[in-house]
Every structure is written in structure tokens, then in C-alpha cells.
């Protein structure tokens, strides 16, 4: 896979919020360790960890929507707003396009 971007120079550390849909989608996947790993990745992203930002993918046609790889089979959607980072859906790689279309590209 191609490498993601570095954190923008004007980026600042923002509080991280986990949306209710994060917990719903994590529960649907049924693996508590996966949910913990997704939380860890989201925290590192919100804290501007360079390695995590390099693995993140910014959705080019969607403003401030990023996807983070959680292991090799899962992706986490994160939305960056003025005051907060919000971790949203956790999905499988296979369900990624469906989730993207359902929640973000209407």
C-alpha cells in the first residue's frame, strides 16, 4: 500500500471522542482485542504520532475524513473537526466500500 501523509504542520493535538457508532460496529465484530487496538490507533492519531499519520489515509474527496488501518483486516473511520477528533465506524476491509458509501458518500 502507498504511504499516507504526515500530520499537517498547523495540526494540533485534539481531544478524541468515540462516537456511539464506534462501539456498535466494534461490538458487531465481536473481538474485544480488536476494539482495544482500534482505540489505541485512534489515540495515537489524535496525539499526532508520526508513524500513525503515515499509515493513515485521507479520503481525498471528503473533508477531514481519514481511515486508519487496524491490523491487516480492519479499518477505522476518523473525522477531524475544529475542536475534536471523532473515531467512528470500525469495519472489515471487505465492508469498507459499503460503509463509505452508506455513511459518507450519499
C-alpha atoms as a PDB file:
ATOM      1  CA  UNK A   1       0.000   0.000   0.000  1.00  0.00           C
ATOM      2  CA  UNK A   2       1.094   3.522  -0.599  1.00  0.00           C
ATOM      3  CA  UNK A   3       2.215   5.596   2.331  1.00  0.00           C
ATOM      4  CA  UNK A   4      -0.135   8.157   3.894  1.00  0.00           C
ATOM      5  CA  UNK A   5       0.581  11.766   4.694  1.00  0.00           C
ATOM      6  CA  UNK A   6       2.467  13.376   7.505  1.00  0.00           C
ATOM      7  CA  UNK A   7       0.463  15.376  10.020  1.00  0.00           C
ATOM      8  CA  UNK A   8      -0.107  18.904   8.716  1.00  0.00           C
ATOM      9  CA  UNK A   9       2.299  21.492  10.101  1.00  0.00           C
ATOM     10  CA  UNK A  10      -0.577  23.500  11.541  1.00  0.00           C
ATOM     11  CA  UNK A  11      -2.143  20.426  13.174  1.00  0.00           C
ATOM     12  CA  UNK A  12      -2.703  20.493  16.874  1.00  0.00           C
ATOM     13  CA  UNK A  13      -3.429  17.737  19.323  1.00  0.00           C
ATOM     14  CA  UNK A  14      -7.179  17.469  19.752  1.00  0.00           C
ATOM     15  CA  UNK A  15      -9.304  15.605  22.253  1.00  0.00           C
ATOM     16  CA  UNK A  16     -10.552  12.275  20.984  1.00  0.00           C
ATOM     17  CA  UNK A  17     -14.182  11.262  21.190  1.00  0.00           C
ATOM     18  CA  UNK A  18     -15.541   7.828  20.361  1.00  0.00           C
ATOM     19  CA  UNK A  19     -18.932   8.088  18.660  1.00  0.00           C
ATOM     20  CA  UNK A  20     -21.662   5.657  19.758  1.00  0.00           C
ATOM     21  CA  UNK A  21     -21.438   4.021  16.315  1.00  0.00           C
ATOM     22  CA  UNK A  22     -17.822   3.066  17.100  1.00  0.00           C
ATOM     23  CA  UNK A  23     -18.991   0.901  19.995  1.00  0.00           C
ATOM     24  CA  UNK A  24     -21.827  -0.565  17.910  1.00  0.00           C
ATOM     25  CA  UNK A  25     -19.587  -1.525  14.990  1.00  0.00           C
ATOM     26  CA  UNK A  26     -16.856  -2.831  17.323  1.00  0.00           C
ATOM     27  CA  UNK A  27     -19.416  -4.997  19.134  1.00  0.00           C
ATOM     28  CA  UNK A  28     -20.701  -6.332  15.798  1.00  0.00           C
ATOM     29  CA  UNK A  29     -17.182  -7.562  15.013  1.00  0.00           C
ATOM     30  CA  UNK A  30     -17.152  -9.392  18.351  1.00  0.00           C
ATOM     31  CA  UNK A  31     -13.459  -9.177  19.251  1.00  0.00           C
ATOM     32  CA  UNK A  32     -12.603  -7.140  22.342  1.00  0.00           C
ATOM     33  CA  UNK A  33      -8.902  -7.092  21.475  1.00  0.00           C
ATOM     34  CA  UNK A  34      -9.723  -5.590  18.088  1.00  0.00           C
ATOM     35  CA  UNK A  35     -11.752  -2.818  19.742  1.00  0.00           C
ATOM     36  CA  UNK A  36      -8.859  -2.055  22.110  1.00  0.00           C
ATOM     37  CA  UNK A  37      -6.412  -1.949  19.216  1.00  0.00           C
ATOM     38  CA  UNK A  38      -8.712   0.430  17.320  1.00  0.00           C
ATOM     39  CA  UNK A  39      -8.868   2.689  20.360  1.00  0.00           C
ATOM     40  CA  UNK A  40      -5.082   2.662  20.656  1.00  0.00           C
ATOM     41  CA  UNK A  41      -4.636   3.561  16.981  1.00  0.00           C
ATOM     42  CA  UNK A  42      -7.189   6.382  17.282  1.00  0.00           C
ATOM     43  CA  UNK A  43      -5.442   7.817  20.352  1.00  0.00           C
ATOM     44  CA  UNK A  44      -2.090   7.773  18.573  1.00  0.00           C
ATOM     45  CA  UNK A  45      -3.632   9.510  15.550  1.00  0.00           C
ATOM     46  CA  UNK A  46      -5.228  12.217  17.712  1.00  0.00           C
ATOM     47  CA  UNK A  47      -1.891  12.713  19.502  1.00  0.00           C
ATOM     48  CA  UNK A  48      -0.199  13.337  16.114  1.00  0.00           C
ATOM     49  CA  UNK A  49       2.027  10.250  16.305  1.00  0.00           C
ATOM     50  CA  UNK A  50       4.103  10.426  13.083  1.00  0.00           C
ATOM     51  CA  UNK A  51       4.065   6.669  12.408  1.00  0.00           C
ATOM     52  CA  UNK A  52       0.282   6.501  12.753  1.00  0.00           C
ATOM     53  CA  UNK A  53      -0.224   9.512  10.472  1.00  0.00           C
ATOM     54  CA  UNK A  54       1.974   7.916   7.805  1.00  0.00           C
ATOM     55  CA  UNK A  55      -0.291   4.855   7.789  1.00  0.00           C
ATOM     56  CA  UNK A  56      -3.492   6.929   7.761  1.00  0.00           C
ATOM     57  CA  UNK A  57      -5.302   7.562   4.503  1.00  0.00           C
ATOM     58  CA  UNK A  58      -7.108  10.855   3.962  1.00  0.00           C
ATOM     59  CA  UNK A  59     -10.208  10.413   1.867  1.00  0.00           C
ATOM     60  CA  UNK A  60      -9.410  12.799  -0.982  1.00  0.00           C
ATOM     61  CA  UNK A  61     -12.969  13.717  -1.835  1.00  0.00           C
ATOM     62  CA  UNK A  62     -14.170  14.022   1.769  1.00  0.00           C
ATOM     63  CA  UNK A  63     -13.100  16.874   4.001  1.00  0.00           C
ATOM     64  CA  UNK A  64     -11.255  15.781   7.157  1.00  0.00           C
ATOM     65  CA  UNK A  65     -12.207  12.090   6.899  1.00  0.00           C
ATOM     66  CA  UNK A  66      -9.362   9.628   7.470  1.00  0.00           C
ATOM     67  CA  UNK A  67      -9.154   5.865   7.604  1.00  0.00           C
ATOM     68  CA  UNK A  68      -6.745   4.084   9.894  1.00  0.00           C
ATOM     69  CA  UNK A  69      -5.591   0.528   9.472  1.00  0.00           C
ATOM     70  CA  UNK A  70      -6.303  -1.675  12.492  1.00  0.00           C
ATOM     71  CA  UNK A  71      -4.371  -4.864  11.917  1.00  0.00           C
ATOM     72  CA  UNK A  72      -4.475  -6.172   8.369  1.00  0.00           C
ATOM     73  CA  UNK A  73      -8.202  -6.838   8.061  1.00  0.00           C
ATOM     74  CA  UNK A  74      -9.933  -3.811   9.595  1.00  0.00           C
ATOM     75  CA  UNK A  75     -10.271  -0.079   9.052  1.00  0.00           C
ATOM     76  CA  UNK A  76     -11.384   2.727  11.353  1.00  0.00           C
ATOM     77  CA  UNK A  77     -13.006   5.934  10.132  1.00  0.00           C
ATOM     78  CA  UNK A  78     -11.881   9.092  11.955  1.00  0.00           C
ATOM     79  CA  UNK A  79     -13.234  12.587  11.346  1.00  0.00           C
ATOM     80  CA  UNK A  80     -11.130  15.605  12.284  1.00  0.00           C
ATOM     81  CA  UNK A  81     -13.049  18.764  13.134  1.00  0.00           C
ATOM     82  CA  UNK A  82     -12.022  22.126  14.545  1.00  0.00           C
ATOM     83  CA  UNK A  83     -12.114  21.092  18.167  1.00  0.00           C
ATOM     84  CA  UNK A  84     -12.062  17.310  18.285  1.00  0.00           C
ATOM     85  CA  UNK A  85     -11.146  14.041  16.580  1.00  0.00           C
ATOM     86  CA  UNK A  86     -14.015  11.592  16.411  1.00  0.00           C
ATOM     87  CA  UNK A  87     -13.483   7.861  15.969  1.00  0.00           C
ATOM     88  CA  UNK A  88     -16.461   6.444  14.120  1.00  0.00           C
ATOM     89  CA  UNK A  89     -17.061   3.176  12.312  1.00  0.00           C
ATOM     90  CA  UNK A  90     -14.801   0.163  12.630  1.00  0.00           C
ATOM     91  CA  UNK A  91     -15.231  -2.197   9.694  1.00  0.00           C
ATOM     92  CA  UNK A  92     -13.617  -5.051   7.840  1.00  0.00           C
ATOM     93  CA  UNK A  93     -11.621  -4.378   4.698  1.00  0.00           C
ATOM     94  CA  UNK A  94     -14.323  -6.168   2.742  1.00  0.00           C
ATOM     95  CA  UNK A  95     -17.038  -3.933   4.220  1.00  0.00           C
ATOM     96  CA  UNK A  96     -15.060  -0.714   3.740  1.00  0.00           C
ATOM     97  CA  UNK A  97     -16.600   0.380   0.424  1.00  0.00           C
ATOM     98  CA  UNK A  98     -20.106  -0.365   1.632  1.00  0.00           C
ATOM     99  CA  UNK A  99     -19.535   1.631   4.846  1.00  0.00           C
ATOM    100  CA  UNK A 100     -18.013   4.505   2.901  1.00  0.00           C
ATOM    101  CA  UNK A 101     -20.978   4.655   0.557  1.00  0.00           C
ATOM    102  CA  UNK A 102     -23.555   4.200   3.321  1.00  0.00           C
ATOM    103  CA  UNK A 103     -22.203   6.767   5.802  1.00  0.00           C
ATOM    104  CA  UNK A 104     -20.073   9.268   3.915  1.00  0.00           C
ATOM    105  CA  UNK A 105     -20.917   9.371   0.201  1.00  0.00           C
ATOM    106  CA  UNK A 106     -24.594   9.915  -0.196  1.00  0.00           C
END
